[in-house]
C-alpha cells in the first residue's frame, strides 16, 4: 500500500510538475525555476496548495530536492 502523499507527489510529477523541494530549518518549501505544464500547475493549485501545512510539507518531501546529491563531491578516494 502506497503513501497518499507519495501518490500525490508522483501524480504531480507525472503531469509535468517541475517544482523542487527545499528544506531549511526543517521547514518545507518548493522552488520552481522551470515552469510546470498547465496540467501540473492546475493539479498543484487544486490538490496540493490547499492542503494544511503539515500535509503539504509531506507531499513536498517526495519531490526531488534542490540539492542534487549526484553533483556532490564524493571526497578523497
N, C-alpha and C. Protein backbone atom coordinates (compact mmCIF):
# COMPACT_ATOMS: atom_id res chain seq x y z
N UNK A 1 0.84 -1.17 0.00
CA UNK A 1 0.00 0.00 0.00
C UNK A 1 0.89 1.25 0.00
N UNK A 2 0.59 2.17 -0.88
CA UNK A 2 1.42 3.35 -1.03
C UNK A 2 0.90 4.52 -0.20
N UNK A 3 1.79 5.34 0.21
CA UNK A 3 1.50 6.53 0.99
C UNK A 3 0.75 7.54 0.12
N UNK A 4 -0.31 8.16 0.66
CA UNK A 4 -1.11 9.13 -0.11
C UNK A 4 -0.27 10.33 -0.54
N UNK A 5 0.61 10.82 0.33
CA UNK A 5 1.45 11.97 -0.02
C UNK A 5 2.37 11.62 -1.19
N UNK A 6 2.92 10.42 -1.18
CA UNK A 6 3.80 9.99 -2.28
C UNK A 6 3.01 9.86 -3.58
N UNK A 7 1.82 9.29 -3.48
CA UNK A 7 0.96 9.18 -4.67
C UNK A 7 0.66 10.57 -5.25
N UNK A 8 0.37 11.52 -4.39
CA UNK A 8 0.06 12.88 -4.83
C UNK A 8 1.27 13.50 -5.51
N UNK A 9 2.44 13.37 -4.91
CA UNK A 9 3.68 13.91 -5.50
C UNK A 9 3.98 13.23 -6.83
N UNK A 10 3.80 11.92 -6.88
CA UNK A 10 4.06 11.18 -8.12
C UNK A 10 3.11 11.63 -9.23
N UNK A 11 1.84 11.83 -8.90
CA UNK A 11 0.89 12.27 -9.91
C UNK A 11 1.25 13.66 -10.43
N UNK A 12 1.62 14.56 -9.52
CA UNK A 12 2.05 15.90 -9.90
C UNK A 12 3.24 15.82 -10.86
N UNK A 13 4.23 15.00 -10.53
CA UNK A 13 5.42 14.85 -11.40
C UNK A 13 5.02 14.23 -12.75
N UNK A 14 4.14 13.26 -12.72
CA UNK A 14 3.68 12.61 -13.95
C UNK A 14 2.99 13.61 -14.89
N UNK A 15 2.32 14.58 -14.31
CA UNK A 15 1.63 15.61 -15.11
C UNK A 15 2.59 16.68 -15.65
N UNK A 16 3.85 16.59 -15.30
CA UNK A 16 4.84 17.55 -15.79
C UNK A 16 5.27 18.57 -14.76
N UNK A 17 5.01 18.28 -13.48
CA UNK A 17 5.42 19.20 -12.42
C UNK A 17 6.92 19.29 -12.28
N UNK A 18 7.43 20.50 -12.11
CA UNK A 18 8.87 20.72 -12.05
C UNK A 18 9.35 21.38 -10.76
N UNK A 19 8.46 21.59 -9.83
CA UNK A 19 8.88 22.19 -8.56
C UNK A 19 9.85 21.24 -7.85
N UNK A 20 10.79 21.83 -7.12
CA UNK A 20 11.77 21.07 -6.36
C UNK A 20 11.61 21.37 -4.88
N UNK A 21 11.83 20.36 -4.06
CA UNK A 21 11.70 20.53 -2.62
C UNK A 21 12.93 21.22 -2.04
N UNK A 22 12.68 22.06 -1.06
CA UNK A 22 13.75 22.72 -0.31
C UNK A 22 13.39 22.64 1.16
N UNK A 23 14.37 22.29 1.97
CA UNK A 23 14.14 22.21 3.41
C UNK A 23 15.17 23.08 4.11
N UNK A 24 14.69 24.01 4.90
CA UNK A 24 15.55 24.91 5.64
C UNK A 24 15.04 24.98 7.07
N UNK A 25 15.89 24.62 8.02
CA UNK A 25 15.48 24.58 9.43
C UNK A 25 14.21 23.75 9.61
N UNK A 26 14.18 22.61 8.92
CA UNK A 26 13.06 21.66 8.99
C UNK A 26 11.74 22.23 8.49
N UNK A 27 11.78 23.31 7.74
CA UNK A 27 10.58 23.88 7.10
C UNK A 27 10.63 23.52 5.63
N UNK A 28 9.55 22.97 5.13
CA UNK A 28 9.47 22.57 3.72
C UNK A 28 8.98 23.72 2.87
N UNK A 29 9.56 23.83 1.71
CA UNK A 29 9.08 24.79 0.71
C UNK A 29 9.45 24.22 -0.65
N UNK A 30 9.04 24.91 -1.69
CA UNK A 30 9.40 24.47 -3.03
C UNK A 30 10.01 25.62 -3.81
N UNK A 31 10.81 25.27 -4.78
CA UNK A 31 11.40 26.24 -5.70
C UNK A 31 10.99 25.82 -7.11
N UNK A 32 10.75 26.80 -7.95
CA UNK A 32 10.34 26.49 -9.33
C UNK A 32 11.11 27.39 -10.29
N UNK A 33 12.17 26.84 -10.85
CA UNK A 33 12.93 27.58 -11.85
C UNK A 33 12.36 27.33 -13.24
N UNK A 34 11.81 26.14 -13.43
CA UNK A 34 11.18 25.79 -14.70
C UNK A 34 9.67 25.78 -14.50
N UNK A 35 8.96 26.15 -15.54
CA UNK A 35 7.50 26.22 -15.46
C UNK A 35 6.87 24.83 -15.52
N UNK A 36 5.83 24.65 -14.71
CA UNK A 36 5.03 23.42 -14.78
C UNK A 36 4.22 23.41 -16.07
N UNK A 37 3.82 22.22 -16.49
CA UNK A 37 2.84 22.14 -17.57
C UNK A 37 1.52 22.71 -17.03
N UNK A 38 0.62 23.13 -17.88
CA UNK A 38 -0.67 23.64 -17.40
C UNK A 38 -1.41 22.62 -16.53
N UNK A 39 -1.32 21.35 -16.88
CA UNK A 39 -2.00 20.30 -16.11
C UNK A 39 -1.40 20.18 -14.71
N UNK A 40 -0.06 20.21 -14.64
CA UNK A 40 0.61 20.10 -13.34
C UNK A 40 0.32 21.33 -12.49
N UNK A 41 0.31 22.51 -13.09
CA UNK A 41 0.01 23.74 -12.34
C UNK A 41 -1.41 23.69 -11.77
N UNK A 42 -2.35 23.25 -12.58
CA UNK A 42 -3.74 23.13 -12.12
C UNK A 42 -3.83 22.11 -10.98
N UNK A 43 -3.12 20.98 -11.12
CA UNK A 43 -3.12 19.96 -10.07
C UNK A 43 -2.53 20.53 -8.78
N UNK A 44 -1.43 21.27 -8.90
CA UNK A 44 -0.81 21.87 -7.71
C UNK A 44 -1.79 22.82 -7.01
N UNK A 45 -2.41 23.69 -7.81
CA UNK A 45 -3.30 24.70 -7.24
C UNK A 45 -4.56 24.10 -6.63
N UNK A 46 -5.05 23.00 -7.17
CA UNK A 46 -6.31 22.43 -6.68
C UNK A 46 -6.13 21.30 -5.67
N UNK A 47 -5.02 20.58 -5.74
CA UNK A 47 -4.84 19.40 -4.89
C UNK A 47 -3.76 19.54 -3.82
N UNK A 48 -2.74 20.34 -4.07
CA UNK A 48 -1.62 20.42 -3.13
C UNK A 48 -1.63 21.73 -2.35
N UNK A 49 -1.73 22.85 -3.04
CA UNK A 49 -1.69 24.16 -2.37
C UNK A 49 -2.74 24.30 -1.25
N UNK A 50 -3.96 23.78 -1.43
CA UNK A 50 -4.97 23.94 -0.37
C UNK A 50 -4.76 23.05 0.87
N UNK A 51 -3.83 22.10 0.80
CA UNK A 51 -3.62 21.19 1.94
C UNK A 51 -3.14 21.95 3.17
N UNK A 52 -3.46 21.44 4.34
CA UNK A 52 -2.87 22.01 5.55
C UNK A 52 -1.34 21.92 5.46
N UNK A 53 -0.67 22.84 6.13
CA UNK A 53 0.79 22.95 6.01
C UNK A 53 1.52 21.62 6.22
N UNK A 54 1.13 20.89 7.23
CA UNK A 54 1.81 19.61 7.53
C UNK A 54 1.64 18.61 6.37
N UNK A 55 0.45 18.49 5.83
CA UNK A 55 0.21 17.56 4.73
C UNK A 55 0.92 18.02 3.46
N UNK A 56 0.91 19.34 3.21
CA UNK A 56 1.61 19.88 2.04
C UNK A 56 3.11 19.61 2.15
N UNK A 57 3.67 19.78 3.34
CA UNK A 57 5.10 19.51 3.56
C UNK A 57 5.42 18.03 3.31
N UNK A 58 4.51 17.15 3.68
CA UNK A 58 4.74 15.73 3.43
C UNK A 58 4.77 15.44 1.94
N UNK A 59 3.85 16.03 1.18
CA UNK A 59 3.87 15.86 -0.29
C UNK A 59 5.18 16.41 -0.84
N UNK A 60 5.57 17.60 -0.38
CA UNK A 60 6.80 18.22 -0.87
C UNK A 60 8.02 17.35 -0.58
N UNK A 61 7.99 16.60 0.50
CA UNK A 61 9.13 15.75 0.85
C UNK A 61 9.37 14.65 -0.18
N UNK A 62 8.37 14.35 -1.00
CA UNK A 62 8.52 13.33 -2.04
C UNK A 62 8.92 13.91 -3.40
N UNK A 63 9.07 15.22 -3.47
CA UNK A 63 9.54 15.84 -4.70
C UNK A 63 11.06 15.77 -4.74
N UNK A 64 11.65 15.84 -5.93
CA UNK A 64 13.12 15.89 -6.00
C UNK A 64 13.62 17.11 -5.23
N UNK A 65 14.78 16.98 -4.64
CA UNK A 65 15.35 18.05 -3.83
C UNK A 65 16.17 19.01 -4.68
N UNK A 66 16.27 20.27 -4.22
CA UNK A 66 17.13 21.22 -4.92
C UNK A 66 18.59 20.83 -4.74
N UNK A 67 18.86 20.02 -3.74
CA UNK A 67 20.21 19.52 -3.52
C UNK A 67 20.33 18.18 -4.24
N UNK A 68 20.90 18.23 -5.41
CA UNK A 68 21.07 17.01 -6.19
C UNK A 68 22.36 16.34 -5.74
N UNK A 69 22.22 15.28 -4.98
CA UNK A 69 23.39 14.62 -4.41
C UNK A 69 24.32 14.04 -5.46
N UNK A 70 23.85 13.86 -6.67
CA UNK A 70 24.71 13.34 -7.74
C UNK A 70 25.82 14.33 -8.07
N UNK A 71 25.59 15.62 -7.80
CA UNK A 71 26.59 16.64 -8.08
C UNK A 71 27.53 16.90 -6.90
N UNK A 72 27.29 16.26 -5.77
CA UNK A 72 28.12 16.49 -4.59
C UNK A 72 29.46 15.77 -4.75
N UNK A 73 30.53 16.39 -4.28
CA UNK A 73 31.84 15.71 -4.33
C UNK A 73 31.82 14.48 -3.45
N UNK A 74 32.49 13.45 -3.90
CA UNK A 74 32.49 12.18 -3.16
C UNK A 74 33.61 12.12 -2.14
N UNK A 75 34.43 13.11 -2.05
CA UNK A 75 35.54 13.09 -1.09
C UNK A 75 36.75 12.41 -1.70
N UNK A 76 37.80 12.40 -0.94
CA UNK A 76 39.04 11.80 -1.44
C UNK A 76 38.92 10.29 -1.44
N UNK A 77 39.45 9.69 -2.48
CA UNK A 77 39.40 8.22 -2.57
C UNK A 77 40.77 7.64 -2.60
